[in-house]
Amino acid sequence: MARTEGRRKPYITVTIPPELLEYLEKKVESREFASLAHGIEVCVLRYKEAEERGERP
């Protein structure tokens, strides 16, 4: 995703079940995601793209 020069992504706080946090932490540990925030961003983006294709994620 391209970012505009000098523009920052907004900060948010999320609450998720422990098993999803463990899943994300394993993906970060295996370097599939750069960080927890990156993992959440990728998952939400994939959900959005599936919805736009008319799929039921």
PDB file of N, CA and C in Angstrom:
ATOM      1  N   MET A   1       0.838  -1.181   0.000  1.00  0.00           N
ATOM      2  CA  MET A   1       0.000   0.000   0.000  1.00  0.00           C
ATOM      3  C   MET A   1       0.881   1.241   0.000  1.00  0.00           C
ATOM      4  N   ALA A   2       0.593   2.149  -0.880  1.00  0.00           N
ATOM      5  CA  ALA A   2       1.376   3.382  -0.952  1.00  0.00           C
ATOM      6  C   ALA A   2       0.898   4.370   0.100  1.00  0.00           C
ATOM      7  N   ARG A   3       1.866   5.069   0.655  1.00  0.00           N
ATOM      8  CA  ARG A   3       1.541   6.122   1.625  1.00  0.00           C
ATOM      9  C   ARG A   3       1.953   7.454   1.053  1.00  0.00           C
ATOM     10  N   THR A   4       1.161   8.470   1.333  1.00  0.00           N
ATOM     11  CA  THR A   4       1.501   9.816   0.899  1.00  0.00           C
ATOM     12  C   THR A   4       2.610  10.341   1.793  1.00  0.00           C
ATOM     13  N   GLU A   5       3.551  11.062   1.209  1.00  0.00           N
ATOM     14  CA  GLU A   5       4.669  11.636   1.960  1.00  0.00           C
ATOM     15  C   GLU A   5       4.154  12.415   3.161  1.00  0.00           C
ATOM     16  N   GLY A   6       4.683  12.111   4.342  1.00  0.00           N
ATOM     17  CA  GLY A   6       4.317  12.848   5.537  1.00  0.00           C
ATOM     18  C   GLY A   6       2.985  12.462   6.150  1.00  0.00           C
ATOM     19  N   ARG A   7       2.302  11.509   5.586  1.00  0.00           N
ATOM     20  CA  ARG A   7       0.983  11.111   6.093  1.00  0.00           C
ATOM     21  C   ARG A   7       1.112   9.822   6.896  1.00  0.00           C
ATOM     22  N   ARG A   8       0.575   9.829   8.098  1.00  0.00           N
ATOM     23  CA  ARG A   8       0.669   8.662   8.966  1.00  0.00           C
ATOM     24  C   ARG A   8      -0.666   7.937   9.034  1.00  0.00           C
ATOM     25  N   LYS A   9      -0.589   6.653   9.265  1.00  0.00           N
ATOM     26  CA  LYS A   9      -1.802   5.866   9.458  1.00  0.00           C
ATOM     27  C   LYS A   9      -2.366   6.195  10.833  1.00  0.00           C
ATOM     28  N   PRO A  10      -3.688   6.220  10.967  1.00  0.00           N
ATOM     29  CA  PRO A  10      -4.278   6.493  12.282  1.00  0.00           C
ATOM     30  C   PRO A  10      -4.011   5.337  13.252  1.00  0.00           C
ATOM     31  N   TYR A  11      -3.909   5.661  14.514  1.00  0.00           N
ATOM     32  CA  TYR A  11      -3.738   4.665  15.564  1.00  0.00           C
ATOM     33  C   TYR A  11      -5.102   4.240  16.081  1.00  0.00           C
ATOM     34  N   ILE A  12      -5.258   2.924  16.300  1.00  0.00           N
ATOM     35  CA  ILE A  12      -6.495   2.407  16.882  1.00  0.00           C
ATOM     36  C   ILE A  12      -6.131   1.378  17.948  1.00  0.00           C
ATOM     37  N   THR A  13      -7.105   1.023  18.752  1.00  0.00           N
ATOM     38  CA  THR A  13      -6.945  -0.044  19.737  1.00  0.00           C
ATOM     39  C   THR A  13      -7.971  -1.112  19.408  1.00  0.00           C
ATOM     40  N   VAL A  14      -7.534  -2.365  19.419  1.00  0.00           N
ATOM     41  CA  VAL A  14      -8.465  -3.463  19.157  1.00  0.00           C
ATOM     42  C   VAL A  14      -8.407  -4.468  20.299  1.00  0.00           C
ATOM     43  N   THR A  15      -9.508  -5.144  20.501  1.00  0.00           N
ATOM     44  CA  THR A  15      -9.582  -6.227  21.476  1.00  0.00           C
ATOM     45  C   THR A  15      -9.968  -7.480  20.707  1.00  0.00           C
ATOM     46  N   ILE A  16      -9.143  -8.527  20.826  1.00  0.00           N
ATOM     47  CA  ILE A  16      -9.414  -9.773  20.110  1.00  0.00           C
ATOM     48  C   ILE A  16      -9.274 -10.947  21.079  1.00  0.00           C
ATOM     49  N   PRO A  17      -9.903 -12.071  20.754  1.00  0.00           N
ATOM     50  CA  PRO A  17      -9.791 -13.253  21.608  1.00  0.00           C
ATOM     51  C   PRO A  17      -8.330 -13.733  21.688  1.00  0.00           C
ATOM     52  N   PRO A  18      -7.956 -14.325  22.811  1.00  0.00           N
ATOM     53  CA  PRO A  18      -6.571 -14.782  22.999  1.00  0.00           C
ATOM     54  C   PRO A  18      -6.072 -15.713  21.895  1.00  0.00           C
ATOM     55  N   GLU A  19      -6.939 -16.591  21.379  1.00  0.00           N
ATOM     56  CA  GLU A  19      -6.480 -17.525  20.343  1.00  0.00           C
ATOM     57  C   GLU A  19      -6.122 -16.800  19.044  1.00  0.00           C
ATOM     58  N   LEU A  20      -6.807 -15.699  18.732  1.00  0.00           N
ATOM     59  CA  LEU A  20      -6.452 -14.931  17.540  1.00  0.00           C
ATOM     60  C   LEU A  20      -5.149 -14.172  17.753  1.00  0.00           C
ATOM     61  N   LEU A  21      -4.939 -13.682  18.957  1.00  0.00           N
ATOM     62  CA  LEU A  21      -3.676 -13.016  19.270  1.00  0.00           C
ATOM     63  C   LEU A  21      -2.518 -14.002  19.149  1.00  0.00           C
ATOM     64  N   GLU A  22      -2.701 -15.208  19.664  1.00  0.00           N
ATOM     65  CA  GLU A  22      -1.663 -16.242  19.555  1.00  0.00           C
ATOM     66  C   GLU A  22      -1.369 -16.561  18.091  1.00  0.00           C
ATOM     67  N   TYR A  23      -2.412 -16.650  17.284  1.00  0.00           N
ATOM     68  CA  TYR A  23      -2.247 -16.904  15.850  1.00  0.00           C
ATOM     69  C   TYR A  23      -1.405 -15.803  15.208  1.00  0.00           C
ATOM     70  N   LEU A  24      -1.764 -14.547  15.478  1.00  0.00           N
ATOM     71  CA  LEU A  24      -1.016 -13.422  14.909  1.00  0.00           C
ATOM     72  C   LEU A  24       0.429 -13.404  15.396  1.00  0.00           C
ATOM     73  N   GLU A  25       0.634 -13.685  16.678  1.00  0.00           N
ATOM     74  CA  GLU A  25       1.996 -13.699  17.224  1.00  0.00           C
ATOM     75  C   GLU A  25       2.854 -14.763  16.548  1.00  0.00           C
ATOM     76  N   LYS A  26       2.274 -15.928  16.258  1.00  0.00           N
ATOM     77  CA  LYS A  26       3.011 -16.984  15.555  1.00  0.00           C
ATOM     78  C   LYS A  26       3.377 -16.541  14.143  1.00  0.00           C
ATOM     79  N   LYS A  27       2.460 -15.829  13.489  1.00  0.00           N
ATOM     80  CA  LYS A  27       2.734 -15.343  12.134  1.00  0.00           C
ATOM     81  C   LYS A  27       3.832 -14.276  12.142  1.00  0.00           C
ATOM     82  N   VAL A  28       3.873 -13.462  13.182  1.00  0.00           N
ATOM     83  CA  VAL A  28       4.940 -12.461  13.312  1.00  0.00           C
ATOM     84  C   VAL A  28       6.262 -13.177  13.584  1.00  0.00           C
ATOM     85  N   GLU A  29       6.229 -14.160  14.479  1.00  0.00           N
ATOM     86  CA  GLU A  29       7.433 -14.916  14.821  1.00  0.00           C
ATOM     87  C   GLU A  29       8.017 -15.619  13.597  1.00  0.00           C
ATOM     88  N   SER A  30       7.144 -16.140  12.723  1.00  0.00           N
ATOM     89  CA  SER A  30       7.606 -16.824  11.507  1.00  0.00           C
ATOM     90  C   SER A  30       7.906 -15.840  10.375  1.00  0.00           C
ATOM     91  N   ARG A  31       7.742 -14.568  10.668  1.00  0.00           N
ATOM     92  CA  ARG A  31       8.030 -13.470   9.734  1.00  0.00           C
ATOM     93  C   ARG A  31       7.066 -13.387   8.550  1.00  0.00           C
ATOM     94  N   GLU A  32       5.894 -14.014   8.697  1.00  0.00           N
ATOM     95  CA  GLU A  32       4.873 -13.859   7.658  1.00  0.00           C
ATOM     96  C   GLU A  32       4.294 -12.450   7.713  1.00  0.00           C
ATOM     97  N   PHE A  33       4.193 -11.909   8.925  1.00  0.00           N
ATOM     98  CA  PHE A  33       3.787 -10.519   9.135  1.00  0.00           C
ATOM     99  C   PHE A  33       4.936  -9.797   9.821  1.00  0.00           C
ATOM    100  N   ALA A  34       5.114  -8.534   9.487  1.00  0.00           N
ATOM    101  CA  ALA A  34       6.188  -7.740  10.089  1.00  0.00           C
ATOM    102  C   ALA A  34       5.879  -7.376  11.539  1.00  0.00           C
ATOM    103  N   SER A  35       4.601  -7.264  11.865  1.00  0.00           N
ATOM    104  CA  SER A  35       4.173  -6.873  13.210  1.00  0.00           C
ATOM    105  C   SER A  35       2.718  -7.287  13.389  1.00  0.00           C
ATOM    106  N   LEU A  36       2.227  -7.151  14.618  1.00  0.00           N
ATOM    107  CA  LEU A  36       0.810  -7.435  14.857  1.00  0.00           C
ATOM    108  C   LEU A  36      -0.061  -6.493  14.033  1.00  0.00           C
ATOM    109  N   ALA A  37       0.322  -5.220  13.996  1.00  0.00           N
ATOM    110  CA  ALA A  37      -0.450  -4.234  13.225  1.00  0.00           C
ATOM    111  C   ALA A  37      -0.481  -4.612  11.745  1.00  0.00           C
ATOM    112  N   HIS A  38       0.649  -5.066  11.218  1.00  0.00           N
ATOM    113  CA  HIS A  38       0.707  -5.477   9.816  1.00  0.00           C
ATOM    114  C   HIS A  38      -0.212  -6.677   9.577  1.00  0.00           C
ATOM    115  N   GLY A  39      -0.206  -7.633  10.490  1.00  0.00           N
ATOM    116  CA  GLY A  39      -1.069  -8.803  10.364  1.00  0.00           C
ATOM    117  C   GLY A  39      -2.538  -8.442  10.357  1.00  0.00           C
ATOM    118  N   ILE A  40      -2.930  -7.554  11.243  1.00  0.00           N
ATOM    119  CA  ILE A  40      -4.330  -7.116  11.292  1.00  0.00           C
ATOM    120  C   ILE A  40      -4.692  -6.379  10.010  1.00  0.00           C
ATOM    121  N   GLU A  41      -3.790  -5.522   9.538  1.00  0.00           N
ATOM    122  CA  GLU A  41      -4.044  -4.780   8.298  1.00  0.00           C
ATOM    123  C   GLU A  41      -4.230  -5.731   7.118  1.00  0.00           C
ATOM    124  N   VAL A  42      -3.361  -6.731   6.999  1.00  0.00           N
ATOM    125  CA  VAL A  42      -3.455  -7.690   5.898  1.00  0.00           C
ATOM    126  C   VAL A  42      -4.775  -8.461   5.970  1.00  0.00           C
ATOM    127  N   CYS A  43      -5.146  -8.912   7.150  1.00  0.00           N
ATOM    128  CA  CYS A  43      -6.387  -9.681   7.302  1.00  0.00           C
ATOM    129  C   CYS A  43      -7.620  -8.857   6.951  1.00  0.00           C
ATOM    130  N   VAL A  44      -7.664  -7.618   7.402  1.00  0.00           N
ATOM    131  CA  VAL A  44      -8.810  -6.752   7.097  1.00  0.00           C
ATOM    132  C   VAL A  44      -8.849  -6.447   5.603  1.00  0.00           C
ATOM    133  N   LEU A  45      -7.688  -6.201   5.004  1.00  0.00           N
ATOM    134  CA  LEU A  45      -7.635  -5.921   3.567  1.00  0.00           C
ATOM    135  C   LEU A  45      -8.132  -7.122   2.762  1.00  0.00           C
ATOM    136  N   ARG A  46      -7.700  -8.323   3.130  1.00  0.00           N
ATOM    137  CA  ARG A  46      -8.153  -9.530   2.419  1.00  0.00           C
ATOM    138  C   ARG A  46      -9.657  -9.740   2.575  1.00  0.00           C
ATOM    139  N   TYR A  47     -10.181  -9.470   3.741  1.00  0.00           N
ATOM    140  CA  TYR A  47     -11.623  -9.573   3.980  1.00  0.00           C
ATOM    141  C   TYR A  47     -12.367  -8.592   3.079  1.00  0.00           C
ATOM    142  N   LYS A  48     -11.879  -7.358   3.030  1.00  0.00           N
ATOM    143  CA  LYS A  48     -12.494  -6.310   2.206  1.00  0.00           C
ATOM    144  C   LYS A  48     -12.473  -6.700   0.730  1.00  0.00           C
ATOM    145  N   GLU A  49     -11.334  -7.207   0.254  1.00  0.00           N
ATOM    146  CA  GLU A  49     -11.215  -7.606  -1.150  1.00  0.00           C
ATOM    147  C   GLU A  49     -12.161  -8.758  -1.479  1.00  0.00           C
ATOM    148  N   ALA A  50     -12.302  -9.717  -0.577  1.00  0.00           N
ATOM    149  CA  ALA A  50     -13.224 -10.837  -0.797  1.00  0.00           C
ATOM    150  C   ALA A  50     -14.659 -10.335  -0.876  1.00  0.00           C
ATOM    151  N   GLU A  51     -14.997  -9.407   0.005  1.00  0.00           N
ATOM    152  CA  GLU A  51     -16.335  -8.819  -0.008  1.00  0.00           C
ATOM    153  C   GLU A  51     -16.604  -8.098  -1.328  1.00  0.00           C
ATOM    154  N   GLU A  52     -15.612  -7.360  -1.813  1.00  0.00           N
ATOM    155  CA  GLU A  52     -15.772  -6.613  -3.067  1.00  0.00           C
ATOM    156  C   GLU A  52     -15.929  -7.537  -4.264  1.00  0.00           C
ATOM    157  N   ARG A  53     -15.381  -8.757  -4.175  1.00  0.00           N
ATOM    158  CA  ARG A  53     -15.544  -9.749  -5.244  1.00  0.00           C
ATOM    159  C   ARG A  53     -16.872 -10.490  -5.119  1.00  0.00           C
ATOM    160  N   GLY A  54     -17.642 -10.157  -4.102  1.00  0.00           N
ATOM    161  CA  GLY A  54     -18.930 -10.805  -3.904  1.00  0.00           C
ATOM    162  C   GLY A  54     -18.847 -12.109  -3.139  1.00  0.00           C
ATOM    163  N   GLU A  55     -17.684 -12.391  -2.564  1.00  0.00           N
ATOM    164  CA  GLU A  55     -17.514 -13.611  -1.780  1.00  0.00           C
ATOM    165  C   GLU A  55     -17.960 -13.356  -0.349  1.00  0.00           C
ATOM    166  N   ARG A  56     -18.346 -14.421   0.309  1.00  0.00           N
ATOM    167  CA  ARG A  56     -18.692 -14.318   1.736  1.00  0.00           C
ATOM    168  C   ARG A  56     -17.504 -14.832   2.526  1.00  0.00           C
ATOM    169  N   PRO A  57     -16.704 -13.931   3.048  1.00  0.00           N
ATOM    170  CA  PRO A  57     -15.511 -14.367   3.802  1.00  0.00           C
ATOM    171  C   PRO A  57     -15.875 -15.094   5.078  1.00  0.00           C
TER     172      PRO A  57
END
